[in-house]
Structure formats: C-alpha cells, structure tokens
Protein backbone atom coordinates (compact mmCIF):
# COMPACT_ATOMS: atom_id res chain seq x y z
CA MET A 1 41.84 48.82 -7.24
CA ASN A 2 42.95 47.90 -10.76
CA LYS A 3 39.93 47.86 -13.07
CA SER A 4 41.74 45.67 -15.62
CA LEU A 5 42.06 42.75 -13.18
CA THR A 6 39.33 40.17 -12.58
CA LYS A 7 38.10 40.62 -9.01
CA VAL A 8 37.83 37.19 -7.37
CA GLY A 9 35.83 37.02 -4.15
CA VAL A 10 37.26 34.14 -2.12
CA VAL A 11 34.92 33.05 0.68
CA PHE A 12 36.22 30.66 3.35
CA GLY A 13 35.69 29.40 6.91
CA GLY A 14 31.98 28.75 7.37
CA VAL A 15 29.59 27.20 9.85
CA SER A 16 30.83 23.64 9.50
CA SER A 17 32.98 21.12 11.34
CA GLU A 18 35.35 21.42 8.37
CA HIS A 19 35.99 25.09 9.17
CA ASN A 20 39.73 24.74 9.80
CA VAL A 21 40.30 22.67 6.66
CA SER A 22 38.54 25.42 4.70
CA ILE A 23 41.02 28.01 5.98
CA LYS A 24 43.96 25.83 4.90
CA SER A 25 42.44 25.28 1.45
CA ALA A 26 41.74 29.00 1.01
CA LYS A 27 45.31 29.86 1.94
CA THR A 28 46.59 27.64 -0.88
CA ILE A 29 44.09 29.01 -3.41
CA VAL A 30 44.67 32.67 -2.56
CA SER A 31 48.43 32.17 -2.73
CA ALA A 32 48.02 30.67 -6.22
CA LEU A 33 45.69 33.48 -7.37
CA ARG A 34 48.36 35.95 -6.22
CA GLY A 35 51.18 33.91 -7.75
CA ILE A 36 53.63 35.21 -10.32
CA SER A 37 51.68 33.96 -13.33
CA ASN A 38 48.36 35.31 -12.00
CA LYS A 39 49.24 38.63 -10.38
CA ASN A 40 48.42 40.52 -13.57
CA LYS A 41 45.14 38.61 -14.03
CA PHE A 42 43.36 38.61 -10.68
CA GLU A 43 42.73 40.74 -7.63
CA VAL A 44 41.59 38.78 -4.59
CA ILE A 45 38.88 40.03 -2.23
CA ASN A 46 38.86 37.79 0.84
CA THR A 47 35.80 37.18 2.98
CA TYR A 48 35.94 35.03 6.12
CA ILE A 49 32.81 33.48 7.64
CA ASP A 50 33.39 32.65 11.32
CA LYS A 51 31.92 29.68 13.18
CA LYS A 52 28.89 31.77 14.20
CA GLY A 53 28.12 32.67 10.60
CA ARG A 54 29.36 36.27 10.77
CA TRP A 55 31.11 37.68 7.70
CA TRP A 56 34.47 39.48 7.96
CA THR A 57 36.50 41.22 5.28
CA GLY A 58 39.66 43.30 5.10
CA ALA A 59 42.38 42.92 7.72
CA ILE A 60 40.62 40.24 9.79
CA ALA A 61 40.01 38.01 6.77
CA GLU A 62 43.65 38.36 5.75
CA GLU A 63 44.83 37.65 9.29
CA VAL A 64 42.77 34.47 9.61
CA LEU A 65 44.03 33.37 6.22
CA ASN A 66 47.67 33.91 7.15
CA LYS A 67 47.68 32.80 10.78
CA GLY A 68 44.75 30.40 11.07
CA LEU A 69 42.00 30.75 13.65
CA LEU A 70 43.88 31.86 16.77
CA LYS A 71 42.38 32.53 20.21
CA GLU A 72 43.32 36.22 20.11
CA LEU A 73 41.51 36.58 16.78
CA GLU A 74 38.36 35.03 18.22
CA GLU A 75 38.52 37.50 21.10
CA ARG A 76 38.71 40.37 18.60
CA PHE A 77 35.51 39.14 16.99
CA GLN A 78 33.65 40.15 20.15
CA ALA A 79 34.80 43.77 19.84
CA ASP A 80 34.84 44.38 16.10
CA ASP A 81 31.72 44.82 14.00
CA PRO A 82 31.21 42.09 11.38
CA ILE A 83 29.95 42.95 7.92
CA GLY A 84 27.29 40.23 7.91
CA LEU A 85 25.40 39.72 4.68
CA LYS A 86 25.77 43.44 4.01
CA ILE A 87 29.01 42.41 2.30
CA LEU A 88 26.88 41.38 -0.68
CA ASN A 89 25.69 44.95 -1.04
CA LYS A 90 28.97 46.67 -0.22
CA ASP A 91 31.32 44.54 -2.32
CA LEU A 92 28.93 43.18 -4.96
CA ALA A 93 30.01 45.84 -7.44
CA LEU A 94 33.64 44.93 -6.81
CA VAL A 95 33.44 41.14 -7.19
CA ASP A 96 33.44 39.71 -10.70
CA ILE A 97 33.56 36.02 -9.77
CA TRP A 98 32.95 34.25 -6.46
CA PHE A 99 35.31 31.45 -5.41
CA PRO A 100 33.72 29.51 -2.52
CA VAL A 101 36.20 27.53 -0.43
CA LEU A 102 33.69 26.30 2.13
CA HIS A 103 33.89 22.58 2.83
CA GLY A 104 30.93 20.69 4.27
CA PRO A 105 27.41 21.87 5.22
CA ASN A 106 26.47 25.52 4.57
CA GLY A 107 29.17 25.82 1.94
CA GLU A 108 29.31 22.71 -0.19
CA ASP A 109 25.64 21.74 -0.07
CA GLY A 110 24.09 24.37 -2.35
CA SER A 111 23.45 26.96 0.38
CA ILE A 112 26.15 29.45 -0.56
CA GLN A 113 25.72 28.59 -4.25
CA GLY A 114 22.10 29.74 -4.08
CA LEU A 115 23.19 32.97 -2.41
CA PHE A 116 25.83 33.61 -5.08
CA GLN A 117 23.30 32.87 -7.81
CA LEU A 118 21.06 35.60 -6.40
CA THR A 119 23.92 38.10 -6.70
CA GLY A 120 23.94 37.54 -10.45
CA LYS A 121 27.69 36.91 -10.45
CA PRO A 122 29.28 33.65 -11.66
CA PHE A 123 30.98 31.35 -9.16
CA VAL A 124 33.50 28.52 -9.20
CA GLY A 125 32.23 24.95 -8.86
CA SER A 126 28.93 23.14 -9.06
CA GLY A 127 25.56 24.87 -8.95
CA ILE A 128 22.80 24.37 -6.41
CA LEU A 129 21.67 20.95 -7.67
CA GLY A 130 25.10 19.37 -8.11
CA SER A 131 26.31 20.73 -4.79
CA ALA A 132 23.26 19.53 -2.85
CA ILE A 133 23.31 16.01 -4.32
CA GLY A 134 27.08 15.76 -4.00
CA MET A 135 26.85 16.67 -0.31
CA ASP A 136 24.12 14.17 0.57
CA LYS A 137 25.50 10.63 0.29
CA ILE A 138 22.03 9.06 0.24
CA ALA A 139 20.79 11.20 -2.66
CA MET A 140 24.10 10.66 -4.46
CA LYS A 141 24.01 6.89 -4.09
CA THR A 142 20.37 6.75 -5.18
CA ILE A 143 21.24 8.53 -8.43
CA PHE A 144 24.35 6.38 -8.94
CA THR A 145 22.11 3.32 -8.67
CA SER A 146 19.65 4.73 -11.20
CA VAL A 147 22.39 5.19 -13.84
CA GLY A 148 24.02 1.81 -13.15
CA LEU A 149 27.27 2.91 -11.51
CA PRO A 150 28.93 0.12 -9.46
CA GLN A 151 28.74 0.70 -5.70
CA ALA A 152 29.46 -1.22 -2.51
CA PRO A 153 26.34 -2.55 -0.71
CA TYR A 154 24.86 0.01 1.68
CA LEU A 155 21.88 0.93 3.84
CA ALA A 156 20.32 4.41 3.95
CA ILE A 157 18.53 5.30 7.18
CA THR A 158 17.43 8.23 9.36
CA ASP A 159 17.91 8.58 13.11
CA ASN A 160 14.21 7.65 13.54
CA ASP A 161 15.12 4.15 12.38
CA PHE A 162 17.02 3.37 15.59
CA LEU A 163 15.83 5.83 18.25
CA ASP A 164 13.78 3.34 20.27
CA LYS A 165 15.24 0.07 21.58
CA GLU A 166 13.18 -2.26 19.37
CA LYS A 167 14.06 -0.43 16.15
CA HIS A 168 17.68 -0.28 17.20
CA VAL A 169 17.89 -4.04 17.64
CA GLU A 170 16.16 -4.59 14.29
CA LEU A 171 18.61 -2.28 12.53
CA ILE A 172 21.67 -3.97 14.05
CA THR A 173 20.29 -7.32 12.89
CA GLN A 174 19.78 -5.92 9.38
CA ILE A 175 23.33 -4.55 9.32
CA GLU A 176 24.75 -7.91 10.33
CA SER A 177 22.71 -9.88 7.81
CA SER A 178 23.07 -7.57 4.78
CA LEU A 179 26.48 -5.94 5.26
CA GLY A 180 28.38 -7.76 8.00
CA TYR A 181 31.38 -6.48 9.91
CA PRO A 182 33.40 -4.43 9.55
CA CYS A 183 31.15 -1.75 8.12
CA PHE A 184 31.34 2.03 7.89
CA ILE A 185 28.72 4.27 9.50
CA LYS A 186 28.67 7.82 8.12
CA PRO A 187 26.63 11.02 8.44
CA ALA A 188 25.04 11.56 5.02
CA ASN A 189 26.03 15.24 4.87
CA LEU A 190 29.62 15.69 5.98
CA GLY A 191 33.15 15.33 4.65
CA SER A 192 36.79 15.03 5.73
CA SER A 193 36.01 11.65 7.38
CA LEU A 194 34.31 13.41 10.31
CA GLY A 195 31.67 11.54 12.32
CA ILE A 196 32.56 8.21 10.70
CA THR A 197 32.95 4.90 12.53
CA LYS A 198 34.43 1.65 11.25
CA ALA A 199 32.44 -0.87 13.27
CA TYR A 200 33.66 -4.41 13.97
CA SER A 201 30.81 -5.46 16.27
CA SER A 202 27.22 -4.73 17.21
CA GLN A 203 28.42 -2.63 20.15
CA GLU A 204 30.67 -0.52 17.92
CA ALA A 205 27.85 -0.19 15.37
CA SER A 206 25.52 1.14 18.09
CA LEU A 207 28.08 3.70 19.17
CA GLY A 208 28.74 4.61 15.53
CA LEU A 209 25.06 5.23 14.87
CA LYS A 210 24.84 7.55 17.89
CA LEU A 211 27.96 9.43 16.78
CA ALA A 212 26.73 9.86 13.20
CA ALA A 213 23.35 11.09 14.47
CA THR A 214 25.06 13.97 16.31
CA PHE A 215 26.14 15.30 12.90
CA ASP A 216 23.14 14.47 10.71
CA LYS A 217 19.70 12.86 10.84
CA ARG A 218 20.43 11.01 7.60
CA ILE A 219 22.96 8.19 7.90
CA VAL A 220 24.67 5.81 5.48
CA ILE A 221 25.98 2.37 6.47
CA GLU A 222 28.38 0.79 3.96
CA LYS A 223 29.98 -2.60 3.59
CA SER A 224 33.75 -2.36 4.11
CA ILE A 225 35.60 -3.02 0.86
CA LYS A 226 39.10 -4.51 0.83
CA GLY A 227 41.25 -2.91 -1.81
CA LYS A 228 43.01 0.19 -3.01
CA GLU A 229 41.50 3.65 -2.50
CA LEU A 230 41.71 5.51 -5.80
CA GLU A 231 40.90 9.15 -6.59
CA CYS A 232 40.36 11.04 -9.84
CA ALA A 233 40.01 14.80 -10.30
CA VAL A 234 37.50 16.34 -12.71
CA LEU A 235 37.75 19.82 -14.21
CA GLY A 236 35.56 21.84 -16.58
CA LYS A 237 31.99 22.78 -17.29
CA LYS A 238 30.94 22.48 -20.91
CA ASN A 239 33.81 20.05 -21.48
CA LEU A 240 34.52 17.91 -18.44
CA LYS A 241 37.89 16.20 -18.34
CA ALA A 242 39.43 13.72 -15.93
CA SER A 243 42.93 13.76 -14.48
CA THR A 244 45.35 10.92 -14.03
CA VAL A 245 44.39 8.53 -11.23
CA GLY A 246 46.04 8.50 -7.81
CA GLU A 247 46.06 6.07 -4.93
CA VAL A 248 45.90 6.99 -1.25
CA SER A 249 48.21 4.76 0.78
CA PHE A 250 48.13 4.74 4.59
CA GLY A 251 49.16 2.57 7.50
CA SER A 252 46.13 3.15 9.73
CA ASP A 253 43.07 0.93 9.76
CA TRP A 254 41.20 3.39 7.54
CA TYR A 255 41.54 6.86 6.04
CA ASP A 256 40.25 8.85 9.03
CA TYR A 257 40.50 12.60 9.74
CA GLU A 258 43.84 12.36 11.57
CA THR A 259 45.41 10.27 8.82
CA LYS A 260 44.02 12.55 6.11
CA TYR A 261 45.31 15.84 7.54
CA SER A 262 48.43 14.87 9.53
CA THR A 263 51.81 15.03 7.86
CA GLY A 264 53.41 11.65 7.27
CA LEU A 265 50.43 9.42 8.06
CA SER A 266 49.35 8.93 4.45
CA LYS A 267 51.01 8.96 1.06
CA ALA A 268 49.71 9.80 -2.39
CA LEU A 269 50.85 7.48 -5.16
CA ILE A 270 50.48 9.47 -8.37
CA PRO A 271 50.00 7.94 -10.84
CA ALA A 272 48.41 4.97 -9.10
CA PRO A 273 50.18 1.61 -9.66
CA ILE A 274 47.21 0.01 -11.42
CA PRO A 275 46.64 -1.41 -14.92
CA GLU A 276 46.04 1.13 -17.68
CA LYS A 277 42.60 -0.29 -18.42
CA ILE A 278 41.57 0.41 -14.81
CA VAL A 279 42.90 3.98 -15.14
CA THR A 280 40.73 4.46 -18.23
CA LYS A 281 37.71 2.93 -16.48
CA VAL A 282 38.14 5.19 -13.44
CA GLN A 283 38.30 8.24 -15.69
CA GLU A 284 35.19 7.16 -17.62
CA LEU A 285 33.21 6.46 -14.44
CA SER A 286 34.35 9.77 -12.91
CA LEU A 287 32.87 11.72 -15.80
CA LEU A 288 29.67 9.64 -15.76
CA ALA A 289 29.26 10.15 -12.02
CA CYS A 290 29.70 13.93 -12.31
CA LYS A 291 27.24 14.16 -15.19
CA ALA A 292 24.73 12.03 -13.27
CA ILE A 293 24.50 14.48 -10.37
CA SER A 294 25.22 17.66 -12.38
CA ALA A 295 28.62 18.25 -10.75
CA GLU A 296 30.79 20.68 -12.68
CA GLY A 297 33.71 23.07 -12.38
CA LEU A 298 35.74 20.93 -10.02
CA ALA A 299 35.17 17.62 -8.31
CA ARG A 300 37.07 14.64 -6.97
CA VAL A 301 35.62 11.16 -7.45
CA ASP A 302 36.71 8.41 -5.05
CA PHE A 303 36.81 4.68 -5.78
CA PHE A 304 37.62 1.29 -4.26
CA PHE A 305 39.52 -1.24 -6.38
CA ASN A 306 39.92 -4.90 -5.48
CA GLU A 307 42.81 -6.23 -7.58
CA LYS A 308 42.11 -9.88 -6.82
CA GLU A 309 38.53 -9.66 -8.06
CA ASN A 310 39.35 -6.93 -10.62
CA GLN A 311 36.33 -5.08 -9.25
CA LEU A 312 35.90 -1.30 -9.18
CA TRP A 313 33.33 0.54 -7.05
CA VAL A 314 32.43 4.25 -7.02
CA ASN A 315 32.54 5.52 -3.45
CA GLU A 316 31.53 9.19 -3.63
CA ILE A 317 31.97 12.60 -5.25
CA ASN A 318 33.42 15.60 -3.46
CA THR A 319 32.22 18.73 -5.26
CA LEU A 320 34.55 21.04 -3.32
CA PRO A 321 37.68 18.96 -2.67
CA GLY A 322 40.43 20.08 -0.35
CA PHE A 323 43.21 22.35 -1.58
CA THR A 324 45.69 21.88 1.27
CA LYS A 325 49.32 20.91 0.64
CA GLN A 326 48.36 17.27 1.12
CA SER A 327 45.18 17.37 -0.97
CA MET A 328 44.87 15.05 -3.94
CA TYR A 329 42.94 17.38 -6.25
CA PRO A 330 45.78 19.83 -7.06
CA MET A 331 48.37 17.02 -6.95
CA LEU A 332 46.44 14.97 -9.51
CA TRP A 333 46.27 17.92 -11.90
CA LYS A 334 49.95 18.70 -11.40
CA GLU A 335 50.78 15.15 -12.50
CA SER A 336 48.39 15.70 -15.43
CA GLY A 337 50.37 18.75 -16.55
CA ILE A 338 48.51 21.63 -14.86
CA ASN A 339 50.33 23.41 -12.02
CA LEU A 340 48.55 25.05 -9.10
CA ASP A 341 48.62 28.64 -10.41
CA GLU A 342 47.30 27.50 -13.78
CA LEU A 343 44.67 25.32 -12.14
CA VAL A 344 43.06 28.11 -10.11
CA ALA A 345 43.14 30.37 -13.19
CA ILE A 346 41.31 27.70 -15.20
CA LEU A 347 38.73 27.33 -12.42
CA VAL A 348 38.03 31.08 -12.46
CA GLU A 349 37.75 31.09 -16.27
CA THR A 350 35.50 28.01 -16.16
CA ALA A 351 33.10 29.85 -13.87
CA LYS A 352 32.45 32.33 -16.68
CA GLU A 353 30.97 29.57 -18.83
C-alpha cells in the first residue's frame, strides 16, 4: 500500500431498494478514481454492503463491483465470513476519506454519515442533517416553504391518515378538492422513482397510497405539473457552485424507474433549451435550496418549468445523486467543464474541508 496516496474508502450496495443502482454508481466512481489522471493521487478501498446489511471487502467487493450482484455471488455469501462492522476497526487506520455511494434509506438519510462521523474521518457529501432532510420529502418541503422557495401544491400524510375506511374516503376527497388528478403519490423517504404512482382517479389514488405505504409510513401527494423537468448539479462545501442546467426528455407518461435506468427511454438535453434568465434562476434557487437544508459536497436539485406560464417550481434535492452512465450529475458537470475523473477528485478534496 502506497503511503503517499490518499486512501479512499468507497462504500456501496446497502440495505435499500436502490441497491443495484448503488453498485452501478460505485462502478463509475471507482473507475474514475482509478483513472489515468487520478492513479497517482488515490488508492481505493472498496467495501460492499449486501442486502442483509453484511459488510464485505477484498475480492468479493471487487467482484460485485465488476460483475454486479449475480446469483453465484449471493450463494458465496452463505459460505464466506463477512467482515461486519469490524471493518471500521480493521481498515480505519487505512482509510483517509470515506466515499459513500449508498442511494436511498440507510445510506443517503444520515445513517451512514453518522457512522462515518464517529470514525473521525472525513467523508464525501452532506452531513447527518443535510442527508436526513434531503432524504425525507416532507421535512424538505416544510423547510422549502419556510424560506419561500416555489413548490407545487402538495399534501403530507402518514399511513395512519388512511388506514381505516372513513379516513381513507376523507383523504381521497381532500386529494380531489385540493390537488385534483392526475397527482403523484410518493413514499417520503425513497429515490429512483420507486414506489411512486401517477394517479388519474380515486381508484388509482387508493392503490397508490397502499403501494407507497409498503415503502414508508410518511407519504407525499403532489399536484402533477405540466412542463419541462430541469436538473441542476451543485458542488462544493465552503463555496457552493451550480452547474449548467439540463432537461430530462422522455416519451413515457412520467419519469419512472424503467425510463430512468433503461437505455434509450430518456434523453438528457444539456444545456437545457430554456431562456438564459431561467437558467440563472434555476442556479440561484439550487444554491438556496441546498443552503436551506444544509446540503453540501454534492447534490442535484430538480425543477419543473412551465414555459407558457413562465413558472418555475423546486421539486426536490437529491443529496447523493446517481453516477451511472445515464446519470445527470456527472453529465451536467462535464458540460460545465469538469470531466468525470476531475469531478471525483474534487469531491474527495472537498470532503477535507
């Protein structure tokens, strides 16, 4: 092990429905950390967390990273001995900076950030507070409201609000009167468009509520907004900066999981074909939104833009955006003049701040 290199502990997988996306993101990040311009800067120490929460290092972590989660690998998990949290004792002296690539609950919600903070080593991305608020759409929207950020109308509920028949009927009536159809029903703590329903009727809304409740007790119901879906990447800690703005274009009814992660079903328009004043406004609101919830390091802020009404709404912040080949975050920074290898190097350096 070269003592002159910064030892970056990349942690991926995780106990989350976004497990497979995490592996794909980690593969991109590790490849960039080991790229030509970074090979004399960093040494990568990979740690894979399987779906049962067991920690694996060495050959198994590398194999999952390179091949994905294959059936034969899962069978090996039953025979081999996982490291578990002992990894923090064994490899703590080796790791200089942690790089979490864990999308969704138990990785993006402040859980792993708290664990890393206890190790006394810096880590890439938002801290406990920013991660927790960024993960929970209800908390996020509440803070956005308090600082005056424009948002689409929404309702914030818990599963207790519709468990019995009478409450369920009352909630459906409230949805119809305050939001109308179509509307989006989302688990408050999840990403990658999982567990989301676009409801066009009371029957679809009922099914959507039940689906969302299987993922989270806290649920958000949003008015459907007609317009462009815009995204802006944010980078930095002491000095946050915003990237150029991109648009997600797709032929499906909405930007669901299949559309988001299947080749050819969506297209990124970078830079977005929108007026320059809207670009500037998106960048300004992105920085304000991140500062409002204490998001730092890296984040992607999503917007809706209605050209006819010239209206812009903040949708949400993703404090650990995807790093797959189709992900907007690295593509936005590439268009802004920062290639992938440089981007991951900046993220590692930013963690030191």
